[in-house]
Amino acid sequence: MQKYPNVTCGLSFKNSFELLISARLSARCTDKCVNKVAATLFERFMSPEDFVSAELSDIEDIIKPCGMYKTKAKNIKDICIKLVNDFNSNIPSEFEDLLNLPGIGRKTANLITSEVFGIPRIVTDTHVCRVTYRIGLHCETRPVKIEKVLSEIVSKEFRSFFCHAIIALGREFCKARTFRCTVCPLVEICLKQD
């Protein structure tokens, strides 16, 4: 999309480990909040080993602003235990291995696969699901089905860019509760204008 020619992932990260943990924190939370919390979190805990030896309550205290902090803290600690024990503290490159990490679903596994390993995948976050439905690319309600449909119609080489651009558009124009249809760059092709 011409409006977002250089769009990238909204999460700030220095390495694949930070992206994985930040992605887990992002469930039902804004990237802005995650980035702020992650900056503090990664000052204190820099590696999987640091999280493994941490008290769960210390992780919880830092990530509390992200919501669902007890579940997320436990998942993060369990992810790090698995990374240390099963993957020599590295992020696994196999999609199924990513899905087997505690609290990691298809959305995050697709993000890691795309951003870290350069294998373009469809990341069906809430914005991608909503915007692509509104512009008529699918009539599905389940992210896994939306991922399948979009994977069939979006060329492999454009999948990462496509998802990031749709997310940016969703945040700016096609928000969950307030649609800015009259100024949206996709207004001419949108089927669900308000």
N, C-alpha and C. Protein backbone atom coordinates (compact mmCIF):
# COMPACT_ATOMS: atom_id res chain seq x y z
N MET A 1 0.84 -1.18 0.00
CA MET A 1 0.00 0.00 0.00
C MET A 1 0.88 1.24 0.00
N GLN A 2 0.55 2.16 -0.86
CA GLN A 2 1.36 3.35 -1.03
C GLN A 2 1.43 4.22 0.23
N LYS A 3 0.40 4.19 1.04
CA LYS A 3 0.37 5.02 2.25
C LYS A 3 1.43 4.57 3.26
N TYR A 4 1.79 3.32 3.25
CA TYR A 4 2.73 2.76 4.22
C TYR A 4 3.89 2.05 3.51
N PRO A 5 4.70 2.76 2.74
CA PRO A 5 5.72 2.08 1.94
C PRO A 5 6.83 1.42 2.76
N ASN A 6 7.11 1.93 3.94
CA ASN A 6 8.22 1.40 4.74
C ASN A 6 7.76 0.83 6.07
N VAL A 7 6.53 0.36 6.10
CA VAL A 7 5.96 -0.14 7.36
C VAL A 7 6.70 -1.40 7.82
N THR A 8 6.87 -1.49 9.14
CA THR A 8 7.52 -2.67 9.73
C THR A 8 6.74 -3.08 10.97
N CYS A 9 7.23 -4.09 11.63
CA CYS A 9 6.61 -4.58 12.86
C CYS A 9 6.55 -3.45 13.89
N GLY A 10 5.42 -3.32 14.57
CA GLY A 10 5.23 -2.27 15.56
C GLY A 10 5.90 -2.54 16.89
N LEU A 11 6.37 -3.76 17.10
CA LEU A 11 7.05 -4.09 18.34
C LEU A 11 8.53 -3.74 18.22
N SER A 12 9.07 -3.12 19.26
CA SER A 12 10.51 -2.80 19.28
C SER A 12 11.26 -4.02 19.81
N PHE A 13 12.34 -4.38 19.13
CA PHE A 13 13.13 -5.51 19.60
C PHE A 13 14.55 -5.43 19.04
N LYS A 14 15.49 -5.96 19.81
CA LYS A 14 16.89 -5.98 19.38
C LYS A 14 17.31 -7.34 18.84
N ASN A 15 16.54 -8.37 19.20
CA ASN A 15 16.89 -9.73 18.76
C ASN A 15 15.63 -10.59 18.77
N SER A 16 15.78 -11.80 18.28
CA SER A 16 14.63 -12.70 18.14
C SER A 16 14.01 -13.06 19.49
N PHE A 17 14.82 -13.15 20.52
CA PHE A 17 14.30 -13.47 21.84
C PHE A 17 13.38 -12.35 22.34
N GLU A 18 13.82 -11.11 22.19
CA GLU A 18 13.00 -9.97 22.60
C GLU A 18 11.69 -9.92 21.81
N LEU A 19 11.76 -10.23 20.53
CA LEU A 19 10.53 -10.24 19.72
C LEU A 19 9.56 -11.30 20.23
N LEU A 20 10.06 -12.48 20.51
CA LEU A 20 9.21 -13.57 21.00
C LEU A 20 8.50 -13.17 22.30
N ILE A 21 9.26 -12.65 23.24
CA ILE A 21 8.68 -12.27 24.53
C ILE A 21 7.71 -11.10 24.36
N SER A 22 8.09 -10.11 23.55
CA SER A 22 7.21 -8.97 23.31
C SER A 22 5.92 -9.41 22.62
N ALA A 23 6.03 -10.34 21.69
CA ALA A 23 4.84 -10.84 21.00
C ALA A 23 3.91 -11.53 21.99
N ARG A 24 4.47 -12.25 22.94
CA ARG A 24 3.62 -12.89 23.96
C ARG A 24 2.94 -11.84 24.82
N LEU A 25 3.64 -10.76 25.12
CA LEU A 25 3.06 -9.69 25.92
C LEU A 25 1.95 -8.95 25.17
N SER A 26 1.97 -8.99 23.85
CA SER A 26 1.08 -8.15 23.04
C SER A 26 -0.37 -8.63 22.98
N ALA A 27 -0.65 -9.82 23.48
CA ALA A 27 -2.04 -10.30 23.47
C ALA A 27 -2.93 -9.33 24.24
N ARG A 28 -3.94 -8.81 23.54
CA ARG A 28 -4.90 -7.86 24.14
C ARG A 28 -4.22 -6.64 24.76
N CYS A 29 -3.17 -6.19 24.09
CA CYS A 29 -2.42 -5.04 24.58
C CYS A 29 -1.86 -4.29 23.37
N THR A 30 -1.70 -3.00 23.48
CA THR A 30 -1.17 -2.22 22.37
C THR A 30 0.34 -2.38 22.26
N ASP A 31 0.85 -2.22 21.05
CA ASP A 31 2.31 -2.27 20.86
C ASP A 31 2.99 -1.17 21.66
N LYS A 32 2.36 -0.02 21.75
CA LYS A 32 2.93 1.10 22.50
C LYS A 32 3.17 0.71 23.97
N CYS A 33 2.17 0.09 24.57
CA CYS A 33 2.31 -0.36 25.96
C CYS A 33 3.36 -1.45 26.08
N VAL A 34 3.32 -2.42 25.16
CA VAL A 34 4.30 -3.51 25.19
C VAL A 34 5.71 -2.97 25.07
N ASN A 35 5.93 -2.04 24.14
CA ASN A 35 7.28 -1.50 23.94
C ASN A 35 7.81 -0.81 25.19
N LYS A 36 6.93 -0.10 25.89
CA LYS A 36 7.33 0.57 27.12
C LYS A 36 7.68 -0.45 28.21
N VAL A 37 6.81 -1.43 28.38
CA VAL A 37 7.03 -2.47 29.39
C VAL A 37 8.26 -3.31 29.05
N ALA A 38 8.40 -3.66 27.77
CA ALA A 38 9.52 -4.51 27.34
C ALA A 38 10.86 -3.83 27.58
N ALA A 39 10.92 -2.53 27.40
CA ALA A 39 12.17 -1.80 27.65
C ALA A 39 12.64 -2.02 29.08
N THR A 40 11.72 -1.93 30.02
CA THR A 40 12.04 -2.15 31.43
C THR A 40 12.35 -3.62 31.68
N LEU A 41 11.55 -4.50 31.10
CA LEU A 41 11.72 -5.94 31.30
C LEU A 41 13.10 -6.41 30.84
N PHE A 42 13.52 -5.95 29.65
CA PHE A 42 14.79 -6.43 29.09
C PHE A 42 16.01 -5.74 29.68
N GLU A 43 15.80 -4.69 30.45
CA GLU A 43 16.91 -4.14 31.23
C GLU A 43 17.24 -5.07 32.39
N ARG A 44 16.20 -5.69 32.90
CA ARG A 44 16.37 -6.55 34.08
C ARG A 44 16.65 -8.00 33.69
N PHE A 45 15.97 -8.50 32.66
CA PHE A 45 16.12 -9.89 32.23
C PHE A 45 16.51 -9.89 30.75
N MET A 46 17.75 -10.29 30.46
CA MET A 46 18.25 -10.16 29.10
C MET A 46 18.30 -11.48 28.33
N SER A 47 18.15 -12.57 29.01
CA SER A 47 18.30 -13.87 28.34
C SER A 47 17.27 -14.85 28.90
N PRO A 48 17.06 -15.96 28.20
CA PRO A 48 16.17 -16.98 28.75
C PRO A 48 16.61 -17.42 30.15
N GLU A 49 17.91 -17.53 30.36
CA GLU A 49 18.42 -17.96 31.66
C GLU A 49 18.04 -16.98 32.76
N ASP A 50 18.06 -15.68 32.43
CA ASP A 50 17.65 -14.67 33.42
C ASP A 50 16.20 -14.87 33.85
N PHE A 51 15.34 -15.18 32.90
CA PHE A 51 13.93 -15.40 33.21
C PHE A 51 13.73 -16.69 34.00
N VAL A 52 14.50 -17.71 33.66
CA VAL A 52 14.38 -19.00 34.35
C VAL A 52 14.71 -18.83 35.84
N SER A 53 15.73 -18.04 36.14
CA SER A 53 16.13 -17.88 37.54
C SER A 53 15.34 -16.80 38.27
N ALA A 54 14.49 -16.08 37.56
CA ALA A 54 13.71 -14.99 38.17
C ALA A 54 12.54 -15.53 38.98
N GLU A 55 12.15 -14.74 39.96
CA GLU A 55 10.92 -15.02 40.68
C GLU A 55 9.75 -14.61 39.78
N LEU A 56 8.73 -15.43 39.73
CA LEU A 56 7.56 -15.14 38.91
C LEU A 56 6.96 -13.79 39.28
N SER A 57 6.94 -13.49 40.56
CA SER A 57 6.36 -12.22 41.02
C SER A 57 7.14 -11.02 40.49
N ASP A 58 8.45 -11.16 40.28
CA ASP A 58 9.25 -10.06 39.74
C ASP A 58 8.88 -9.78 38.28
N ILE A 59 8.63 -10.85 37.52
CA ILE A 59 8.19 -10.70 36.13
C ILE A 59 6.80 -10.09 36.11
N GLU A 60 5.91 -10.60 36.96
CA GLU A 60 4.54 -10.08 37.04
C GLU A 60 4.51 -8.59 37.33
N ASP A 61 5.33 -8.15 38.27
CA ASP A 61 5.33 -6.74 38.66
C ASP A 61 5.67 -5.83 37.47
N ILE A 62 6.59 -6.26 36.64
CA ILE A 62 7.02 -5.44 35.51
C ILE A 62 5.98 -5.44 34.40
N ILE A 63 5.39 -6.60 34.12
CA ILE A 63 4.51 -6.71 32.94
C ILE A 63 3.04 -6.42 33.26
N LYS A 64 2.74 -6.08 34.48
CA LYS A 64 1.35 -5.83 34.91
C LYS A 64 0.59 -4.88 33.97
N PRO A 65 1.19 -3.79 33.48
CA PRO A 65 0.45 -2.88 32.59
C PRO A 65 -0.05 -3.53 31.30
N CYS A 66 0.52 -4.66 30.92
CA CYS A 66 0.12 -5.34 29.68
C CYS A 66 -1.16 -6.16 29.84
N GLY A 67 -1.66 -6.29 31.07
CA GLY A 67 -2.87 -7.08 31.29
C GLY A 67 -2.57 -8.57 31.29
N MET A 68 -3.48 -9.33 31.85
CA MET A 68 -3.34 -10.79 31.96
C MET A 68 -1.93 -11.17 32.42
N TYR A 69 -1.38 -10.38 33.32
CA TYR A 69 0.03 -10.48 33.67
C TYR A 69 0.42 -11.79 34.36
N LYS A 70 -0.49 -12.38 35.11
CA LYS A 70 -0.16 -13.65 35.76
C LYS A 70 0.04 -14.76 34.74
N THR A 71 -0.89 -14.85 33.79
CA THR A 71 -0.79 -15.86 32.73
C THR A 71 0.43 -15.59 31.85
N LYS A 72 0.60 -14.34 31.46
CA LYS A 72 1.73 -13.99 30.59
C LYS A 72 3.06 -14.24 31.28
N ALA A 73 3.18 -13.89 32.55
CA ALA A 73 4.43 -14.12 33.28
C ALA A 73 4.75 -15.60 33.36
N LYS A 74 3.73 -16.41 33.66
CA LYS A 74 3.96 -17.86 33.73
C LYS A 74 4.35 -18.40 32.36
N ASN A 75 3.66 -17.96 31.30
CA ASN A 75 4.02 -18.39 29.94
C ASN A 75 5.45 -18.00 29.60
N ILE A 76 5.83 -16.77 29.91
CA ILE A 76 7.18 -16.29 29.59
C ILE A 76 8.23 -17.12 30.31
N LYS A 77 8.00 -17.37 31.58
CA LYS A 77 8.97 -18.19 32.33
C LYS A 77 9.02 -19.61 31.75
N ASP A 78 7.86 -20.19 31.45
CA ASP A 78 7.81 -21.54 30.88
C ASP A 78 8.43 -21.59 29.48
N ILE A 79 8.22 -20.53 28.68
CA ILE A 79 8.87 -20.45 27.37
C ILE A 79 10.38 -20.50 27.55
N CYS A 80 10.88 -19.72 28.49
CA CYS A 80 12.33 -19.64 28.71
C CYS A 80 12.90 -20.96 29.21
N ILE A 81 12.15 -21.64 30.08
CA ILE A 81 12.59 -22.97 30.55
C ILE A 81 12.72 -23.91 29.35
N LYS A 82 11.72 -23.88 28.46
CA LYS A 82 11.74 -24.75 27.28
C LYS A 82 12.88 -24.35 26.34
N LEU A 83 13.09 -23.06 26.15
CA LEU A 83 14.19 -22.61 25.29
C LEU A 83 15.53 -23.10 25.82
N VAL A 84 15.73 -22.96 27.12
CA VAL A 84 17.00 -23.40 27.74
C VAL A 84 17.15 -24.91 27.64
N ASN A 85 16.11 -25.64 28.01
CA ASN A 85 16.20 -27.11 28.08
C ASN A 85 16.19 -27.80 26.72
N ASP A 86 15.40 -27.27 25.77
CA ASP A 86 15.20 -27.99 24.51
C ASP A 86 15.89 -27.36 23.30
N PHE A 87 16.25 -26.08 23.39
CA PHE A 87 16.77 -25.40 22.19
C PHE A 87 18.05 -24.62 22.45
N ASN A 88 18.79 -24.99 23.50
CA ASN A 88 20.07 -24.35 23.80
C ASN A 88 19.92 -22.83 23.87
N SER A 89 18.79 -22.38 24.42
CA SER A 89 18.46 -20.95 24.60
C SER A 89 18.22 -20.18 23.30
N ASN A 90 18.05 -20.91 22.21
CA ASN A 90 17.78 -20.27 20.91
C ASN A 90 16.29 -20.36 20.58
N ILE A 91 15.85 -19.47 19.69
CA ILE A 91 14.48 -19.51 19.22
C ILE A 91 14.39 -20.60 18.16
N PRO A 92 13.47 -21.56 18.31
CA PRO A 92 13.38 -22.63 17.31
C PRO A 92 12.91 -22.08 15.96
N SER A 93 13.46 -22.64 14.89
CA SER A 93 13.10 -22.18 13.55
C SER A 93 11.92 -22.93 12.95
N GLU A 94 11.59 -24.07 13.52
CA GLU A 94 10.48 -24.86 13.01
C GLU A 94 9.15 -24.32 13.55
N PHE A 95 8.21 -24.16 12.65
CA PHE A 95 6.90 -23.61 13.01
C PHE A 95 6.24 -24.41 14.12
N GLU A 96 6.25 -25.72 14.01
CA GLU A 96 5.61 -26.58 15.02
C GLU A 96 6.29 -26.44 16.38
N ASP A 97 7.60 -26.25 16.38
CA ASP A 97 8.32 -26.04 17.65
C ASP A 97 7.88 -24.73 18.29
N LEU A 98 7.70 -23.70 17.48
CA LEU A 98 7.20 -22.43 18.02
C LEU A 98 5.82 -22.60 18.63
N LEU A 99 4.94 -23.34 17.94
CA LEU A 99 3.59 -23.57 18.45
C LEU A 99 3.58 -24.35 19.76
N ASN A 100 4.63 -25.12 20.00
CA ASN A 100 4.71 -25.90 21.23
C ASN A 100 5.26 -25.12 22.42
N LEU A 101 5.64 -23.87 22.19
CA LEU A 101 6.07 -23.03 23.30
C LEU A 101 4.83 -22.55 24.06
N PRO A 102 4.88 -22.52 25.38
CA PRO A 102 3.71 -22.14 26.18
C PRO A 102 3.17 -20.75 25.81
N GLY A 103 1.88 -20.69 25.53
CA GLY A 103 1.21 -19.42 25.24
C GLY A 103 1.44 -18.89 23.84
N ILE A 104 2.11 -19.64 22.99
CA ILE A 104 2.38 -19.18 21.63
C ILE A 104 1.40 -19.85 20.67
N GLY A 105 0.66 -19.02 19.95
CA GLY A 105 -0.29 -19.52 18.97
C GLY A 105 0.19 -19.22 17.56
N ARG A 106 -0.68 -19.45 16.61
CA ARG A 106 -0.32 -19.29 15.20
C ARG A 106 0.09 -17.86 14.86
N LYS A 107 -0.61 -16.88 15.43
CA LYS A 107 -0.30 -15.49 15.12
C LYS A 107 1.16 -15.17 15.47
N THR A 108 1.58 -15.52 16.68
CA THR A 108 2.95 -15.24 17.10
C THR A 108 3.95 -16.12 16.36
N ALA A 109 3.61 -17.37 16.15
CA ALA A 109 4.51 -18.26 15.40
C ALA A 109 4.72 -17.74 13.97
N ASN A 110 3.66 -17.25 13.37
CA ASN A 110 3.77 -16.67 12.02
C ASN A 110 4.63 -15.41 12.04
N LEU A 111 4.45 -14.57 13.06
CA LEU A 111 5.25 -13.36 13.17
C LEU A 111 6.74 -13.70 13.31
N ILE A 112 7.07 -14.63 14.19
CA ILE A 112 8.47 -15.02 14.40
C ILE A 112 9.04 -15.63 13.12
N THR A 113 8.28 -16.50 12.49
CA THR A 113 8.74 -17.13 11.25
C THR A 113 9.05 -16.09 10.18
N SER A 114 8.20 -15.06 10.09
CA SER A 114 8.40 -14.00 9.09
C SER A 114 9.55 -13.07 9.46
N GLU A 115 9.49 -12.53 10.67
CA GLU A 115 10.45 -11.50 11.08
C GLU A 115 11.85 -12.04 11.36
N VAL A 116 11.92 -13.21 11.96
CA VAL A 116 13.22 -13.75 12.38
C VAL A 116 13.84 -14.63 11.30
N PHE A 117 13.02 -15.47 10.70
CA PHE A 117 13.57 -16.46 9.77
C PHE A 117 13.32 -16.13 8.30
N GLY A 118 12.66 -15.00 8.04
CA GLY A 118 12.49 -14.54 6.67
C GLY A 118 11.59 -15.39 5.81
N ILE A 119 10.70 -16.15 6.44
CA ILE A 119 9.74 -16.97 5.71
C ILE A 119 8.40 -16.26 5.80
N PRO A 120 7.99 -15.56 4.75
CA PRO A 120 6.77 -14.73 4.82
C PRO A 120 5.52 -15.55 5.15
N ARG A 121 4.81 -15.09 6.17
CA ARG A 121 3.57 -15.74 6.59
C ARG A 121 2.54 -14.67 6.87
N ILE A 122 1.30 -15.09 6.90
CA ILE A 122 0.19 -14.19 7.23
C ILE A 122 0.02 -14.16 8.75
N VAL A 123 0.09 -12.96 9.31
CA VAL A 123 -0.10 -12.77 10.75
C VAL A 123 -1.52 -12.23 10.95
N THR A 124 -2.39 -13.07 11.45
CA THR A 124 -3.80 -12.69 11.57
C THR A 124 -4.09 -12.06 12.93
N ASP A 125 -3.59 -10.85 13.09
CA ASP A 125 -3.94 -10.14 14.31
C ASP A 125 -5.33 -9.53 14.13
N THR A 126 -5.83 -8.89 15.14
CA THR A 126 -7.20 -8.38 15.11
C THR A 126 -7.43 -7.37 13.98
N HIS A 127 -6.41 -6.54 13.69
CA HIS A 127 -6.54 -5.55 12.62
C HIS A 127 -6.61 -6.24 11.25
N VAL A 128 -5.76 -7.22 11.03
CA VAL A 128 -5.76 -7.95 9.76
C VAL A 128 -7.11 -8.63 9.55
N CYS A 129 -7.60 -9.27 10.59
CA CYS A 129 -8.89 -9.96 10.49
C CYS A 129 -10.01 -8.97 10.16
N ARG A 130 -10.07 -7.87 10.88
CA ARG A 130 -11.14 -6.89 10.71
C ARG A 130 -11.07 -6.19 9.35
N VAL A 131 -9.91 -5.64 9.00
CA VAL A 131 -9.79 -4.85 7.77
C VAL A 131 -10.01 -5.72 6.54
N THR A 132 -9.41 -6.88 6.50
CA THR A 132 -9.56 -7.74 5.32
C THR A 132 -10.99 -8.24 5.17
N TYR A 133 -11.71 -8.38 6.26
CA TYR A 133 -13.14 -8.72 6.19
C TYR A 133 -13.92 -7.54 5.61
N ARG A 134 -13.66 -6.36 6.13
CA ARG A 134 -14.41 -5.17 5.70
C ARG A 134 -14.19 -4.85 4.23
N ILE A 135 -12.99 -5.14 3.71
CA ILE A 135 -12.74 -4.84 2.28
C ILE A 135 -13.10 -6.03 1.38
N GLY A 136 -13.65 -7.08 1.98
CA GLY A 136 -14.20 -8.18 1.20
C GLY A 136 -13.24 -9.26 0.76
N LEU A 137 -12.09 -9.39 1.44
CA LEU A 137 -11.15 -10.44 1.04
C LEU A 137 -11.55 -11.81 1.57
N HIS A 138 -12.45 -11.85 2.54
CA HIS A 138 -12.94 -13.12 3.09
C HIS A 138 -14.23 -12.86 3.84
N CYS A 139 -14.90 -13.94 4.21
CA CYS A 139 -16.09 -13.82 5.05
C CYS A 139 -15.96 -14.76 6.25
N GLU A 140 -14.73 -15.00 6.66
CA GLU A 140 -14.44 -15.91 7.77
C GLU A 140 -14.44 -15.17 9.10
N THR A 141 -14.57 -15.92 10.18
CA THR A 141 -14.50 -15.33 11.51
C THR A 141 -13.33 -15.88 12.32
N ARG A 142 -12.82 -17.03 11.94
CA ARG A 142 -11.73 -17.66 12.70
C ARG A 142 -10.38 -17.30 12.08
N PRO A 143 -9.43 -16.84 12.90
CA PRO A 143 -8.12 -16.43 12.38
C PRO A 143 -7.42 -17.51 11.54
N VAL A 144 -7.54 -18.77 11.92
CA VAL A 144 -6.86 -19.82 11.15
C VAL A 144 -7.44 -19.92 9.74
N LYS A 145 -8.74 -19.72 9.60
CA LYS A 145 -9.36 -19.76 8.27
C LYS A 145 -9.00 -18.49 7.48
N ILE A 146 -8.94 -17.36 8.18
CA ILE A 146 -8.54 -16.11 7.52
C ILE A 146 -7.11 -16.23 7.02
N GLU A 147 -6.25 -16.80 7.84
CA GLU A 147 -4.85 -17.03 7.44
C GLU A 147 -4.78 -17.86 6.16
N LYS A 148 -5.57 -18.91 6.10
CA LYS A 148 -5.58 -19.78 4.92
C LYS A 148 -6.04 -19.04 3.68
N VAL A 149 -7.14 -18.29 3.80
CA VAL A 149 -7.66 -17.54 2.66
C VAL A 149 -6.65 -16.50 2.18
N LEU A 150 -6.10 -15.73 3.12
CA LEU A 150 -5.15 -14.68 2.74
C LEU A 150 -3.86 -15.27 2.16
N SER A 151 -3.46 -16.43 2.67
CA SER A 151 -2.25 -17.08 2.14
C SER A 151 -2.43 -17.50 0.69
N GLU A 152 -3.68 -17.77 0.31
CA GLU A 152 -3.97 -18.15 -1.07
C GLU A 152 -4.01 -16.96 -2.02
N ILE A 153 -4.30 -15.77 -1.50
CA ILE A 153 -4.46 -14.62 -2.40
C ILE A 153 -3.33 -13.58 -2.31
N VAL A 154 -2.51 -13.64 -1.26
CA VAL A 154 -1.40 -12.69 -1.13
C VAL A 154 -0.10 -13.40 -1.49
N SER A 155 0.61 -12.87 -2.47
CA SER A 155 1.88 -13.47 -2.89
C SER A 155 2.84 -13.60 -1.73
N LYS A 156 3.59 -14.67 -1.73
CA LYS A 156 4.51 -14.95 -0.63
C LYS A 156 5.42 -13.76 -0.32
N GLU A 157 5.98 -13.17 -1.36
CA GLU A 157 6.95 -12.09 -1.14
C GLU A 157 6.34 -10.83 -0.55
N PHE A 158 5.01 -10.70 -0.57
CA PHE A 158 4.35 -9.52 -0.03
C PHE A 158 3.63 -9.77 1.29
N ARG A 159 3.65 -10.99 1.80
CA ARG A 159 2.86 -11.32 2.99
C ARG A 159 3.23 -10.50 4.22
N SER A 160 4.50 -10.38 4.52
CA SER A 160 4.90 -9.61 5.72
C SER A 160 4.51 -8.15 5.56
N PHE A 161 4.86 -7.57 4.42
CA PHE A 161 4.51 -6.18 4.16
C PHE A 161 3.00 -5.99 4.20
N PHE A 162 2.26 -6.87 3.55
CA PHE A 162 0.80 -6.80 3.52
C PHE A 162 0.24 -6.73 4.94
N CYS A 163 0.67 -7.64 5.80
CA CYS A 163 0.15 -7.68 7.16
C CYS A 163 0.50 -6.42 7.94
N HIS A 164 1.75 -5.97 7.84
CA HIS A 164 2.14 -4.76 8.55
C HIS A 164 1.37 -3.54 8.04
N ALA A 165 1.16 -3.46 6.73
CA ALA A 165 0.41 -2.33 6.15
C ALA A 165 -1.05 -2.36 6.59
N ILE A 166 -1.65 -3.54 6.59
CA ILE A 166 -3.05 -3.66 7.02
C ILE A 166 -3.18 -3.32 8.51
N ILE A 167 -2.22 -3.74 9.31
CA ILE A 167 -2.24 -3.40 10.73
C ILE A 167 -2.15 -1.89 10.91
N ALA A 168 -1.25 -1.24 10.17
CA ALA A 168 -1.11 0.22 10.25
C ALA A 168 -2.41 0.91 9.84
N LEU A 169 -3.02 0.43 8.77
CA LEU A 169 -4.28 1.01 8.32
C LEU A 169 -5.38 0.79 9.36
N GLY A 170 -5.43 -0.38 9.94
CA GLY A 170 -6.42 -0.67 10.98
C GLY A 170 -6.28 0.24 12.17
N ARG A 171 -5.05 0.52 12.56
CA ARG A 171 -4.82 1.41 13.70
C ARG A 171 -5.18 2.86 13.40
N GLU A 172 -4.96 3.27 12.16
CA GLU A 172 -5.19 4.66 11.81
C GLU A 172 -6.62 4.95 11.36
N PHE A 173 -7.22 4.06 10.59
CA PHE A 173 -8.52 4.35 9.98
C PHE A 173 -9.64 3.39 10.37
N CYS A 174 -9.33 2.12 10.47
CA CYS A 174 -10.36 1.10 10.63
C CYS A 174 -10.28 0.47 12.02
N LYS A 175 -10.50 1.32 13.01
CA LYS A 175 -10.39 0.88 14.39
C LYS A 175 -11.60 0.02 14.77
N ALA A 176 -11.47 -0.73 15.81
CA ALA A 176 -12.53 -1.65 16.21
C ALA A 176 -13.86 -0.95 16.50
N ARG A 177 -13.81 0.22 17.10
CA ARG A 177 -15.06 0.89 17.48
C ARG A 177 -15.37 2.13 16.67
N THR A 178 -14.36 2.72 16.08
CA THR A 178 -14.59 3.94 15.30
C THR A 178 -13.94 3.80 13.93
N PHE A 179 -14.75 3.81 12.92
CA PHE A 179 -14.25 3.71 11.56
C PHE A 179 -14.14 5.11 10.96
N ARG A 180 -13.03 5.39 10.32
CA ARG A 180 -12.83 6.68 9.65
C ARG A 180 -12.91 6.46 8.14
N CYS A 181 -14.05 5.96 7.72
CA CYS A 181 -14.23 5.54 6.33
C CYS A 181 -14.04 6.66 5.32
N THR A 182 -14.50 7.84 5.63
CA THR A 182 -14.46 8.92 4.64
C THR A 182 -13.04 9.34 4.28
N VAL A 183 -12.08 9.09 5.14
CA VAL A 183 -10.69 9.46 4.85
C VAL A 183 -9.79 8.24 4.65
N CYS A 184 -10.35 7.06 4.71
CA CYS A 184 -9.57 5.83 4.55
C CYS A 184 -9.12 5.67 3.10
N PRO A 185 -7.86 5.31 2.86
CA PRO A 185 -7.38 5.14 1.49
C PRO A 185 -8.02 3.96 0.76
N LEU A 186 -8.70 3.08 1.50
CA LEU A 186 -9.36 1.93 0.88
C LEU A 186 -10.87 2.11 0.74
N VAL A 187 -11.36 3.32 0.94
CA VAL A 187 -12.79 3.56 0.95
C VAL A 187 -13.46 3.11 -0.37
N GLU A 188 -12.77 3.25 -1.47
CA GLU A 188 -13.38 2.90 -2.76
C GLU A 188 -13.59 1.41 -2.96
N ILE A 189 -12.82 0.58 -2.22
CA ILE A 189 -12.99 -0.86 -2.38
C ILE A 189 -13.65 -1.51 -1.16
N CYS A 190 -13.91 -0.71 -0.13
CA CYS A 190 -14.48 -1.26 1.09
C CYS A 190 -15.94 -1.60 0.89
N LEU A 191 -16.32 -2.77 1.36
CA LEU A 191 -17.71 -3.23 1.24
C LEU A 191 -18.55 -2.87 2.46
N LYS A 192 -17.90 -2.50 3.56
CA LYS A 192 -18.60 -2.31 4.83
C LYS A 192 -18.49 -0.88 5.33
N GLN A 193 -18.57 0.08 4.47
CA GLN A 193 -18.42 1.47 4.89
C GLN A 193 -19.51 1.88 5.86
N ASP A 194 -19.13 2.71 6.80
CA ASP A 194 -20.10 3.25 7.77
C ASP A 194 -20.44 4.68 7.41
